[in-house]
Amino acid sequence: MTNHVHLALETGPVPLSRIVLALHGSYAQGFNQRHHRVGHLFQGRYKAFLVQKTPYLLALIRYIHGNPVKAGIVRDPWLYPWSSDRFYRREHPPDWLDTRGLLELLGADPGRAARRYRAWMGRSETEPYEDLKLVAHIVKGDQSFAGAVFKGARESERRRTWSIEQIALAAANKAGIGIEELRNRSLSSDRAHVRGVVGHLAWKHSRISLTKVAEFFRRDGSILVRDVHRLEGELRRRAALRKELAEILEELDST
């Protein structure tokens, strides 16, 4: 929109916090360079809701694609250049956009599903997305879905309650590096590796965002994301690295 962005994202191995961190970091830096500007591109903290796929996803997409029309920017949703609406109306979207997740809810055949999408967007709303019940301020879905979400969160919370400081100390001890060494401006690959280890463990086991880890190390968030991505790519190939992380976890469990 003119002063904000709506995104409907299906998260996978990469958590939402890391996606937003990259948006605030590397994307914003590239945008500023192209447009010869400085400072923050996005202001304030983002708002996020966990949305049950059926039937609430359809209502969410209708809300997002209908926003430019409601705001009086365009007459029809497919005319707005920054919307994905027009791609859902075609059988063959561009390579960078996967429309299957939504269209499969409207039918197995892509062509028929696209026609149903066009018809569905043209109908009047029976239950607008804004009116859907919000559970505990974060979940759009029925009670059973919300209950499963909260149960999983509680189990994860019981499993690991380590702080950034605890994780950083364990990783630093394993590497023979002091905490303050990790927080200085050195470009050492050894220190970058340890910071990547801390970021990975902090998110995976304590659900601490990479934004907070970057702040702890006084680093740029996009650089920490790069370090974590590199580490996670190596994890699949290097048994020694997996052993290193297991030993750090063992030390944390003993504290």
Foldseek 3Di string as FASTA:
>chain_A
DVQDDDDDDDDDPDDPLLVVLCCQFVVQVVVCVVVVHDDTPHDDDDAAAAEDVPPLVLLSLLCRLCVCCVVVNDVHSLPDPPHCLVQLLDLDHDPVDDPCSPLVVQHDDSNNSSVVSVVVSPDDDPAHSVNADDPPSHYRDDPVVVVVVVVVVVVLQVQDADDLVLLLVLLCVLLVHDLVVLQDPDPDPSSLLSLLLSQVCCCPRVVDRLVVSCVSSVHRSNSSSVSVVVLVVCVVPDPVSVVSSVVSVVVSVVD
